Amino acid sequence: MNDRIRSFRQLHESGCFVIPNPWDLGSARMLEQLGFKALATTSSGFAWSRGMSDNHVTLDDALDHFRDLARGVNVPINADFEGGFAREPEAVAANVSRAADTGVAGISIEDSTGDPASPLHDFTLAVERIGAARRAIDASGTGAMLVGRSEGFIVGRPDLAETIRRLVAYAEAGADCLYAPGIRNLADVYAVVKAVTPKPVNMLVGSDFTTVTEMAAIGVRRISVGGALARAAWGGFLTAAREIAEHGTFASLARAVPFAEIDAAFKGEQSPGRS
């Protein structure tokens, strides 16, 4: 187990930390400079940067992205590995083995199918997929953390009892950290934390509905923001671009971060593969 994976595990042992989501190497390095102790990829933010919708990048592109970030910053990276880019447990395991080799410190596997008519994998299959991912990480010898995600609240199945049943089963199958994006009610968040204790819980905060202090008070160990930072960046871009396109004026550009500030932040940075 390398130092970054060891420190990543230690972050989950007590307190509450924010693990923001960069979408490329530049945004990752900026977040590292701001003092964040770990970062997580965002499948949506990365897909948008490639001109695609979420869940449409290839496995190889995702692996290259993980490798780029893991080599390009000095803090641990948690990989948003979507559904493992496969349905069957054996194929998930094979892909997780490849992801573990990229240098990431954590790998998230979700239980959504992409089918609106049946948006979650069958319970038994979903648990088997987590178990397969666990075995693959163990076989890799990396010590990377496994995050088990249940997606009901963001795919039209906001059933707290079923979400908790799945998260508990994922914990028993070997997930190190549990995650149910889309939950916004603090009582529901607490119910999730209580159900899987002592394993840590990640919560998604993509808008202004809570604070780090509130999340910490109910036992959440880590907070991610998903594609929200990417959306914020796109918001600034589109506001300025639409003004130019629709009005022929440039006032929004006055609110841009100065060139010198951004350029200075990257002076002395090396290419991916730095020590």
C-alpha atoms as a PDB file:
ATOM      1  CA  MET A   1       0.000   0.000   0.000  1.00  0.00           C
ATOM      2  CA  ASN A   2       1.530   3.323  -1.032  1.00  0.00           C
ATOM      3  CA  ASP A   3       1.508   6.497   1.038  1.00  0.00           C
ATOM      4  CA  ARG A   4      -1.350   8.131  -0.843  1.00  0.00           C
ATOM      5  CA  ILE A   5      -3.661   5.156  -0.378  1.00  0.00           C
ATOM      6  CA  ARG A   6      -2.655   4.944   3.278  1.00  0.00           C
ATOM      7  CA  SER A   7      -3.403   8.636   3.828  1.00  0.00           C
ATOM      8  CA  PHE A   8      -6.688   8.274   1.946  1.00  0.00           C
ATOM      9  CA  ARG A   9      -7.784   5.530   4.290  1.00  0.00           C
ATOM     10  CA  GLN A  10      -6.776   7.621   7.285  1.00  0.00           C
ATOM     11  CA  LEU A  11      -8.972  10.500   6.081  1.00  0.00           C
ATOM     12  CA  HIS A  12     -11.985   8.193   6.439  1.00  0.00           C
ATOM     13  CA  GLU A  13     -11.245   7.211  10.028  1.00  0.00           C
ATOM     14  CA  SER A  14     -12.523  10.321  11.796  1.00  0.00           C
ATOM     15  CA  GLY A  15     -13.962  13.781  11.203  1.00  0.00           C
ATOM     16  CA  CYS A  16     -15.461  14.966   7.930  1.00  0.00           C
ATOM     17  CA  PHE A  17     -13.599  16.059   4.806  1.00  0.00           C
ATOM     18  CA  VAL A  18     -14.610  17.460   1.428  1.00  0.00           C
ATOM     19  CA  ILE A  19     -13.426  15.543  -1.624  1.00  0.00           C
ATOM     20  CA  PRO A  20     -14.226  17.864  -4.560  1.00  0.00           C
ATOM     21  CA  ASN A  21     -14.529  16.655  -8.120  1.00  0.00           C
ATOM     22  CA  PRO A  22     -12.211  18.017 -10.839  1.00  0.00           C
ATOM     23  CA  TRP A  23     -12.953  17.161 -14.461  1.00  0.00           C
ATOM     24  CA  ASP A  24      -9.439  17.481 -15.913  1.00  0.00           C
ATOM     25  CA  LEU A  25      -5.833  17.836 -14.812  1.00  0.00           C
ATOM     26  CA  GLY A  26      -5.924  21.623 -14.642  1.00  0.00           C
ATOM     27  CA  SER A  27      -8.935  21.703 -12.320  1.00  0.00           C
ATOM     28  CA  ALA A  28      -7.371  18.914 -10.236  1.00  0.00           C
ATOM     29  CA  ARG A  29      -4.164  20.875  -9.755  1.00  0.00           C
ATOM     30  CA  MET A  30      -6.092  24.002  -8.805  1.00  0.00           C
ATOM     31  CA  LEU A  31      -8.031  22.073  -6.159  1.00  0.00           C
ATOM     32  CA  GLU A  32      -4.828  20.548  -4.823  1.00  0.00           C
ATOM     33  CA  GLN A  33      -3.335  24.041  -4.506  1.00  0.00           C
ATOM     34  CA  LEU A  34      -6.407  25.152  -2.547  1.00  0.00           C
ATOM     35  CA  GLY A  35      -5.506  22.596   0.087  1.00  0.00           C
ATOM     36  CA  PHE A  36      -7.955  19.752  -0.456  1.00  0.00           C
ATOM     37  CA  LYS A  37      -6.499  16.503   0.873  1.00  0.00           C
ATOM     38  CA  ALA A  38      -8.097  14.213  -1.722  1.00  0.00           C
ATOM     39  CA  LEU A  39      -9.991  14.519  -5.009  1.00  0.00           C
ATOM     40  CA  ALA A  40     -12.608  12.456  -6.827  1.00  0.00           C
ATOM     41  CA  THR A  41     -13.271  12.244 -10.532  1.00  0.00           C
ATOM     42  CA  THR A  42     -16.698  13.068 -11.939  1.00  0.00           C
ATOM     43  CA  SER A  43     -18.043  10.972 -14.786  1.00  0.00           C
ATOM     44  CA  SER A  44     -20.348  13.785 -15.907  1.00  0.00           C
ATOM     45  CA  GLY A  45     -17.752  16.547 -15.729  1.00  0.00           C
ATOM     46  CA  PHE A  46     -15.219  14.460 -17.629  1.00  0.00           C
ATOM     47  CA  ALA A  47     -17.777  13.424 -20.270  1.00  0.00           C
ATOM     48  CA  TRP A  48     -18.787  17.062 -20.861  1.00  0.00           C
ATOM     49  CA  SER A  49     -15.146  18.030 -21.281  1.00  0.00           C
ATOM     50  CA  ARG A  50     -14.994  15.456 -24.072  1.00  0.00           C
ATOM     51  CA  GLY A  51     -18.182  16.718 -25.725  1.00  0.00           C
ATOM     52  CA  MET A  52     -20.258  13.743 -24.571  1.00  0.00           C
ATOM     53  CA  SER A  53     -23.173  13.159 -22.226  1.00  0.00           C
ATOM     54  CA  ASP A  54     -22.655  11.377 -18.919  1.00  0.00           C
ATOM     55  CA  ASN A  55     -21.968   7.622 -19.004  1.00  0.00           C
ATOM     56  CA  HIS A  56     -20.879   7.705 -22.647  1.00  0.00           C
ATOM     57  CA  VAL A  57     -17.075   7.745 -22.398  1.00  0.00           C
ATOM     58  CA  THR A  58     -15.295   4.485 -23.141  1.00  0.00           C
ATOM     59  CA  LEU A  59     -13.615   2.303 -20.564  1.00  0.00           C
ATOM     60  CA  ASP A  60     -10.200   3.084 -22.023  1.00  0.00           C
ATOM     61  CA  ASP A  61     -10.878   6.830 -21.948  1.00  0.00           C
ATOM     62  CA  ALA A  62     -11.947   6.609 -18.310  1.00  0.00           C
ATOM     63  CA  LEU A  63      -8.827   4.641 -17.376  1.00  0.00           C
ATOM     64  CA  ASP A  64      -6.594   7.138 -19.164  1.00  0.00           C
ATOM     65  CA  HIS A  65      -8.340   9.940 -17.258  1.00  0.00           C
ATOM     66  CA  PHE A  66      -7.758   8.212 -13.914  1.00  0.00           C
ATOM     67  CA  ARG A  67      -4.114   7.667 -14.776  1.00  0.00           C
ATOM     68  CA  ASP A  68      -3.697  11.292 -15.885  1.00  0.00           C
ATOM     69  CA  LEU A  69      -5.035  12.640 -12.586  1.00  0.00           C
ATOM     70  CA  ALA A  70      -3.308  10.077 -10.357  1.00  0.00           C
ATOM     71  CA  ARG A  71       0.065  10.900 -11.936  1.00  0.00           C
ATOM     72  CA  GLY A  72      -0.576  14.635 -12.205  1.00  0.00           C
ATOM     73  CA  VAL A  73      -1.324  15.514  -8.566  1.00  0.00           C
ATOM     74  CA  ASN A  74       0.134  14.476  -5.240  1.00  0.00           C
ATOM     75  CA  VAL A  75      -3.129  13.812  -3.378  1.00  0.00           C
ATOM     76  CA  PRO A  76      -5.244  10.641  -3.492  1.00  0.00           C
ATOM     77  CA  ILE A  77      -7.765  10.258  -6.318  1.00  0.00           C
ATOM     78  CA  ASN A  78     -11.066   8.428  -5.968  1.00  0.00           C
ATOM     79  CA  ALA A  79     -12.252   7.118  -9.344  1.00  0.00           C
ATOM     80  CA  ASP A  80     -15.908   7.468 -10.348  1.00  0.00           C
ATOM     81  CA  PHE A  81     -16.008   4.139 -12.180  1.00  0.00           C
ATOM     82  CA  GLU A  82     -19.704   4.410 -12.991  1.00  0.00           C
ATOM     83  CA  GLY A  83     -21.151   0.875 -13.085  1.00  0.00           C
ATOM     84  CA  GLY A  84     -17.790  -0.760 -13.684  1.00  0.00           C
ATOM     85  CA  PHE A  85     -18.361  -0.575 -17.461  1.00  0.00           C
ATOM     86  CA  ALA A  86     -19.956  -4.010 -17.339  1.00  0.00           C
ATOM     87  CA  ARG A  87     -23.020  -5.822 -16.034  1.00  0.00           C
ATOM     88  CA  GLU A  88     -21.817  -9.239 -14.938  1.00  0.00           C
ATOM     89  CA  PRO A  89     -19.666  -9.545 -11.795  1.00  0.00           C
ATOM     90  CA  GLU A  90     -16.778 -11.252 -13.572  1.00  0.00           C
ATOM     91  CA  ALA A  91     -16.520  -8.468 -16.128  1.00  0.00           C
ATOM     92  CA  VAL A  92     -16.806  -5.816 -13.409  1.00  0.00           C
ATOM     93  CA  ALA A  93     -13.931  -7.507 -11.590  1.00  0.00           C
ATOM     94  CA  ALA A  94     -11.753  -7.511 -14.708  1.00  0.00           C
ATOM     95  CA  ASN A  95     -12.362  -3.809 -15.266  1.00  0.00           C
ATOM     96  CA  VAL A  96     -11.801  -2.936 -11.603  1.00  0.00           C
ATOM     97  CA  SER A  97      -8.431  -4.693 -11.810  1.00  0.00           C
ATOM     98  CA  ARG A  98      -7.481  -2.361 -14.637  1.00  0.00           C
ATOM     99  CA  ALA A  99      -8.713   0.663 -12.705  1.00  0.00           C
ATOM    100  CA  ALA A 100      -6.698  -0.312  -9.633  1.00  0.00           C
ATOM    101  CA  ASP A 101      -3.568  -0.336 -11.799  1.00  0.00           C
ATOM    102  CA  THR A 102      -3.992   3.344 -12.742  1.00  0.00           C
ATOM    103  CA  GLY A 103      -2.787   4.547  -9.341  1.00  0.00           C
ATOM    104  CA  VAL A 104      -6.114   5.700  -7.917  1.00  0.00           C
ATOM    105  CA  ALA A 105      -6.718   5.400  -4.187  1.00  0.00           C
ATOM    106  CA  GLY A 106     -10.415   4.572  -4.388  1.00  0.00           C
ATOM    107  CA  ILE A 107     -12.888   3.101  -6.875  1.00  0.00           C
ATOM    108  CA  SER A 108     -16.648   3.689  -6.816  1.00  0.00           C
ATOM    109  CA  ILE A 109     -19.106   1.174  -8.254  1.00  0.00           C
ATOM    110  CA  GLU A 110     -22.772   2.095  -8.674  1.00  0.00           C
ATOM    111  CA  ASP A 111     -25.869  -0.052  -9.062  1.00  0.00           C
ATOM    112  CA  SER A 112     -27.744   1.848 -11.785  1.00  0.00           C
ATOM    113  CA  THR A 113     -28.433   0.176 -15.130  1.00  0.00           C
ATOM    114  CA  GLY A 114     -29.074   3.097 -17.476  1.00  0.00           C
ATOM    115  CA  ASP A 115     -32.498   1.615 -18.296  1.00  0.00           C
ATOM    116  CA  PRO A 116     -35.314   4.002 -17.254  1.00  0.00           C
ATOM    117  CA  ALA A 117     -37.773   1.093 -17.036  1.00  0.00           C
ATOM    118  CA  SER A 118     -35.547  -0.825 -14.613  1.00  0.00           C
ATOM    119  CA  PRO A 119     -32.993   1.698 -13.318  1.00  0.00           C
ATOM    120  CA  LEU A 120     -31.355  -0.439 -10.620  1.00  0.00           C
ATOM    121  CA  HIS A 121     -29.670  -3.802 -10.907  1.00  0.00           C
ATOM    122  CA  ASP A 122     -31.454  -6.668  -9.206  1.00  0.00           C
ATOM    123  CA  PHE A 123     -30.499  -6.711  -5.535  1.00  0.00           C
ATOM    124  CA  THR A 124     -28.622 -10.019  -5.649  1.00  0.00           C
ATOM    125  CA  LEU A 125     -26.722  -9.086  -8.793  1.00  0.00           C
ATOM    126  CA  ALA A 126     -25.867  -5.653  -7.360  1.00  0.00           C
ATOM    127  CA  VAL A 127     -24.372  -7.256  -4.242  1.00  0.00           C
ATOM    128  CA  GLU A 128     -22.453  -9.794  -6.319  1.00  0.00           C
ATOM    129  CA  ARG A 129     -20.978  -6.951  -8.386  1.00  0.00           C
ATOM    130  CA  ILE A 130     -19.641  -5.273  -5.245  1.00  0.00           C
ATOM    131  CA  GLY A 131     -18.229  -8.570  -4.009  1.00  0.00           C
ATOM    132  CA  ALA A 132     -16.480  -9.108  -7.324  1.00  0.00           C
ATOM    133  CA  ALA A 133     -14.996  -5.617  -7.205  1.00  0.00           C
ATOM    134  CA  ARG A 134     -13.763  -6.297  -3.665  1.00  0.00           C
ATOM    135  CA  ARG A 135     -12.002  -9.465  -4.725  1.00  0.00           C
ATOM    136  CA  ALA A 136     -10.403  -7.716  -7.686  1.00  0.00           C
ATOM    137  CA  ILE A 137      -9.004  -4.925  -5.513  1.00  0.00           C
ATOM    138  CA  ASP A 138      -7.715  -7.436  -2.982  1.00  0.00           C
ATOM    139  CA  ALA A 139      -6.023  -9.396  -5.753  1.00  0.00           C
ATOM    140  CA  SER A 140      -4.407  -6.210  -7.058  1.00  0.00           C
ATOM    141  CA  GLY A 141      -2.584  -5.722  -3.767  1.00  0.00           C
ATOM    142  CA  THR A 142      -2.995  -1.947  -4.037  1.00  0.00           C
ATOM    143  CA  GLY A 143      -5.145  -1.439  -0.959  1.00  0.00           C
ATOM    144  CA  ALA A 144      -7.420   0.933  -2.885  1.00  0.00           C
ATOM    145  CA  MET A 145     -10.725   1.676  -1.191  1.00  0.00           C
ATOM    146  CA  LEU A 146     -13.983   0.375  -2.636  1.00  0.00           C
ATOM    147  CA  VAL A 147     -16.997   2.685  -2.559  1.00  0.00           C
ATOM    148  CA  GLY A 148     -20.420   1.051  -2.924  1.00  0.00           C
ATOM    149  CA  ARG A 149     -23.003   3.399  -4.442  1.00  0.00           C
ATOM    150  CA  SER A 150     -26.774   2.986  -4.519  1.00  0.00           C
ATOM    151  CA  GLU A 151     -28.350   5.305  -7.080  1.00  0.00           C
ATOM    152  CA  GLY A 152     -32.063   5.044  -6.269  1.00  0.00           C
ATOM    153  CA  PHE A 153     -32.486   8.687  -5.297  1.00  0.00           C
ATOM    154  CA  ILE A 154     -31.108   9.964  -8.607  1.00  0.00           C
ATOM    155  CA  VAL A 155     -32.729   7.434 -10.971  1.00  0.00           C
ATOM    156  CA  GLY A 156     -36.345   7.807  -9.884  1.00  0.00           C
ATOM    157  CA  ARG A 157     -36.418   5.234  -7.077  1.00  0.00           C
ATOM    158  CA  PRO A 158     -36.139   7.387  -3.901  1.00  0.00           C
ATOM    159  CA  ASP A 159     -36.864   4.566  -1.454  1.00  0.00           C
ATOM    160  CA  LEU A 160     -34.863   5.098   1.736  1.00  0.00           C
ATOM    161  CA  ALA A 161     -35.476   1.622   3.140  1.00  0.00           C
ATOM    162  CA  GLU A 162     -34.350  -0.051  -0.093  1.00  0.00           C
ATOM    163  CA  THR A 163     -31.351   2.259  -0.357  1.00  0.00           C
ATOM    164  CA  ILE A 164     -30.288   1.359   3.172  1.00  0.00           C
ATOM    165  CA  ARG A 165     -30.842  -2.360   2.504  1.00  0.00           C
ATOM    166  CA  ARG A 166     -28.532  -2.133  -0.462  1.00  0.00           C
ATOM    167  CA  LEU A 167     -25.852  -0.087   1.288  1.00  0.00           C
ATOM    168  CA  VAL A 168     -25.774  -2.477   4.254  1.00  0.00           C
ATOM    169  CA  ALA A 169     -25.408  -5.399   1.858  1.00  0.00           C
ATOM    170  CA  TYR A 170     -22.652  -3.612  -0.041  1.00  0.00           C
ATOM    171  CA  ALA A 171     -20.810  -3.015   3.223  1.00  0.00           C
ATOM    172  CA  GLU A 172     -21.115  -6.706   4.066  1.00  0.00           C
ATOM    173  CA  ALA A 173     -19.861  -7.590   0.572  1.00  0.00           C
ATOM    174  CA  GLY A 174     -16.688  -5.589   1.132  1.00  0.00           C
ATOM    175  CA  ALA A 175     -17.327  -1.927   0.341  1.00  0.00           C
ATOM    176  CA  ASP A 176     -15.104   0.302   2.478  1.00  0.00           C
ATOM    177  CA  CYS A 177     -17.277   3.412   2.079  1.00  0.00           C
ATOM    178  CA  LEU A 178     -20.971   3.786   1.259  1.00  0.00           C
ATOM    179  CA  TYR A 179     -22.603   6.405  -0.928  1.00  0.00           C
ATOM    180  CA  ALA A 180     -26.210   7.211  -1.858  1.00  0.00           C
ATOM    181  CA  PRO A 181     -26.223  10.330  -4.048  1.00  0.00           C
ATOM    182  CA  GLY A 182     -29.374  12.411  -4.182  1.00  0.00           C
ATOM    183  CA  ILE A 183     -30.393  12.261  -0.524  1.00  0.00           C
ATOM    184  CA  ARG A 184     -31.006  15.787   0.752  1.00  0.00           C
ATOM    185  CA  ASN A 185     -33.055  15.314   3.921  1.00  0.00           C
ATOM    186  CA  LEU A 186     -30.719  15.381   6.916  1.00  0.00           C
ATOM    187  CA  ALA A 187     -32.819  12.847   8.823  1.00  0.00           C
ATOM    188  CA  ASP A 188     -32.431  10.443   5.901  1.00  0.00           C
ATOM    189  CA  VAL A 189     -28.700  11.099   5.794  1.00  0.00           C
ATOM    190  CA  TYR A 190     -28.464  10.263   9.492  1.00  0.00           C
ATOM    191  CA  ALA A 191     -30.437   7.052   8.942  1.00  0.00           C
ATOM    192  CA  VAL A 192     -27.906   5.966   6.313  1.00  0.00           C
ATOM    193  CA  VAL A 193     -24.951   6.817   8.565  1.00  0.00           C
ATOM    194  CA  LYS A 194     -26.460   4.910  11.481  1.00  0.00           C
ATOM    195  CA  ALA A 195     -27.273   1.856   9.360  1.00  0.00           C
ATOM    196  CA  VAL A 196     -23.741   1.293   8.044  1.00  0.00           C
ATOM    197  CA  THR A 197     -21.701   2.427  11.063  1.00  0.00           C
ATOM    198  CA  PRO A 198     -18.756   1.997  11.607  1.00  0.00           C
ATOM    199  CA  LYS A 199     -18.103   2.200   7.872  1.00  0.00           C
ATOM    200  CA  PRO A 200     -17.812   5.755   6.511  1.00  0.00           C
ATOM    201  CA  VAL A 201     -20.486   7.441   4.411  1.00  0.00           C
ATOM    202  CA  ASN A 202     -19.984   9.802   1.472  1.00  0.00           C
ATOM    203  CA  MET A 203     -22.714  12.333   0.765  1.00  0.00           C
ATOM    204  CA  LEU A 204     -23.260  14.348  -2.398  1.00  0.00           C
ATOM    205  CA  VAL A 205     -23.761  18.087  -2.000  1.00  0.00           C
ATOM    206  CA  GLY A 206     -24.494  19.623  -5.377  1.00  0.00           C
ATOM    207  CA  SER A 207     -26.348  22.724  -4.200  1.00  0.00           C
ATOM    208  CA  ASP A 208     -26.747  24.963  -1.175  1.00  0.00           C
ATOM    209  CA  PHE A 209     -28.841  22.746   1.112  1.00  0.00           C
ATOM    210  CA  THR A 210     -26.370  21.966   3.895  1.00  0.00           C
ATOM    211  CA  THR A 211     -22.900  22.718   5.265  1.00  0.00           C
ATOM    212  CA  VAL A 212     -19.813  20.756   6.196  1.00  0.00           C
ATOM    213  CA  THR A 213     -20.613  21.462   9.853  1.00  0.00           C
ATOM    214  CA  GLU A 214     -24.100  19.965   9.542  1.00  0.00           C
ATOM    215  CA  MET A 215     -22.832  16.906   7.705  1.00  0.00           C
ATOM    216  CA  ALA A 216     -20.093  16.363  10.273  1.00  0.00           C
ATOM    217  CA  ALA A 217     -22.572  16.651  13.139  1.00  0.00           C
ATOM    218  CA  ILE A 218     -24.596  13.689  11.870  1.00  0.00           C
ATOM    219  CA  GLY A 219     -21.560  11.526  11.215  1.00  0.00           C
ATOM    220  CA  VAL A 220     -20.870  11.912   7.492  1.00  0.00           C
ATOM    221  CA  ARG A 221     -17.183  11.224   6.864  1.00  0.00           C
ATOM    222  CA  ARG A 222     -16.754  12.731   3.410  1.00  0.00           C
ATOM    223  CA  ILE A 223     -18.597  15.106   1.078  1.00  0.00           C
ATOM    224  CA  SER A 224     -18.294  15.167  -2.702  1.00  0.00           C
ATOM    225  CA  VAL A 225     -19.864  17.594  -5.159  1.00  0.00           C
ATOM    226  CA  GLY A 226     -20.155  15.422  -8.267  1.00  0.00           C
ATOM    227  CA  GLY A 227     -20.425  17.475 -11.440  1.00  0.00           C
ATOM    228  CA  ALA A 228     -21.368  20.678  -9.578  1.00  0.00           C
ATOM    229  CA  LEU A 229     -17.976  22.373  -9.931  1.00  0.00           C
ATOM    230  CA  ALA A 230     -17.969  21.525 -13.622  1.00  0.00           C
ATOM    231  CA  ARG A 231     -21.490  22.936 -13.911  1.00  0.00           C
ATOM    232  CA  ALA A 232     -20.363  26.103 -12.130  1.00  0.00           C
ATOM    233  CA  ALA A 233     -17.516  26.483 -14.620  1.00  0.00           C
ATOM    234  CA  TRP A 234     -19.878  25.862 -17.542  1.00  0.00           C
ATOM    235  CA  GLY A 235     -22.223  28.445 -16.029  1.00  0.00           C
ATOM    236  CA  GLY A 236     -19.603  31.178 -16.229  1.00  0.00           C
ATOM    237  CA  PHE A 237     -18.599  30.117 -19.724  1.00  0.00           C
ATOM    238  CA  LEU A 238     -22.154  30.037 -21.069  1.00  0.00           C
ATOM    239  CA  THR A 239     -23.121  33.352 -19.476  1.00  0.00           C
ATOM    240  CA  ALA A 240     -20.237  35.097 -21.209  1.00  0.00           C
ATOM    241  CA  ALA A 241     -20.604  33.232 -24.506  1.00  0.00           C
ATOM    242  CA  ARG A 242     -24.349  33.876 -24.710  1.00  0.00           C
ATOM    243  CA  GLU A 243     -23.834  37.570 -24.050  1.00  0.00           C
ATOM    244  CA  ILE A 244     -21.399  37.762 -26.937  1.00  0.00           C
ATOM    245  CA  ALA A 245     -23.618  35.688 -29.244  1.00  0.00           C
ATOM    246  CA  GLU A 246     -26.897  37.405 -28.406  1.00  0.00           C
ATOM    247  CA  HIS A 247     -25.889  40.986 -27.652  1.00  0.00           C
ATOM    248  CA  GLY A 248     -22.444  41.534 -29.140  1.00  0.00           C
ATOM    249  CA  THR A 249     -21.168  42.798 -25.769  1.00  0.00           C
ATOM    250  CA  PHE A 250     -18.414  41.548 -23.500  1.00  0.00           C
ATOM    251  CA  ALA A 251     -19.309  42.706 -19.976  1.00  0.00           C
ATOM    252  CA  SER A 252     -19.308  39.181 -18.516  1.00  0.00           C
ATOM    253  CA  LEU A 253     -15.640  38.776 -19.368  1.00  0.00           C
ATOM    254  CA  ALA A 254     -14.820  41.428 -16.752  1.00  0.00           C
ATOM    255  CA  ARG A 255     -15.769  38.867 -14.088  1.00  0.00           C
ATOM    256  CA  ALA A 256     -13.275  36.307 -15.362  1.00  0.00           C
ATOM    257  CA  VAL A 257     -10.302  35.272 -13.243  1.00  0.00           C
ATOM    258  CA  PRO A 258      -7.284  37.293 -14.393  1.00  0.00           C
ATOM    259  CA  PHE A 259      -4.931  35.604 -16.852  1.00  0.00           C
ATOM    260  CA  ALA A 260      -1.956  36.186 -14.566  1.00  0.00           C
ATOM    261  CA  GLU A 261      -3.614  34.431 -11.626  1.00  0.00           C
ATOM    262  CA  ILE A 262      -4.429  31.299 -13.587  1.00  0.00           C
ATOM    263  CA  ASP A 263      -1.136  31.186 -15.438  1.00  0.00           C
ATOM    264  CA  ALA A 264       0.864  31.661 -12.244  1.00  0.00           C
ATOM    265  CA  ALA A 265      -0.935  28.738 -10.635  1.00  0.00           C
ATOM    266  CA  PHE A 266       0.495  26.381 -13.236  1.00  0.00           C
ATOM    267  CA  LYS A 267       4.058  27.689 -13.452  1.00  0.00           C
ATOM    268  CA  GLY A 268       6.508  24.974 -12.508  1.00  0.00           C
ATOM    269  CA  GLU A 269       3.947  22.182 -12.915  1.00  0.00           C
ATOM    270  CA  GLN A 270       5.234  19.133 -14.706  1.00  0.00           C
ATOM    271  CA  SER A 271       3.505  16.902 -17.169  1.00  0.00           C
ATOM    272  CA  PRO A 272       1.560  13.876 -15.894  1.00  0.00           C
ATOM    273  CA  GLY A 273       3.953  11.387 -14.383  1.00  0.00           C
ATOM    274  CA  ARG A 274       5.554  13.840 -11.971  1.00  0.00           C
ATOM    275  CA  SER A 275       6.740  12.458  -8.691  1.00  0.00           C
END
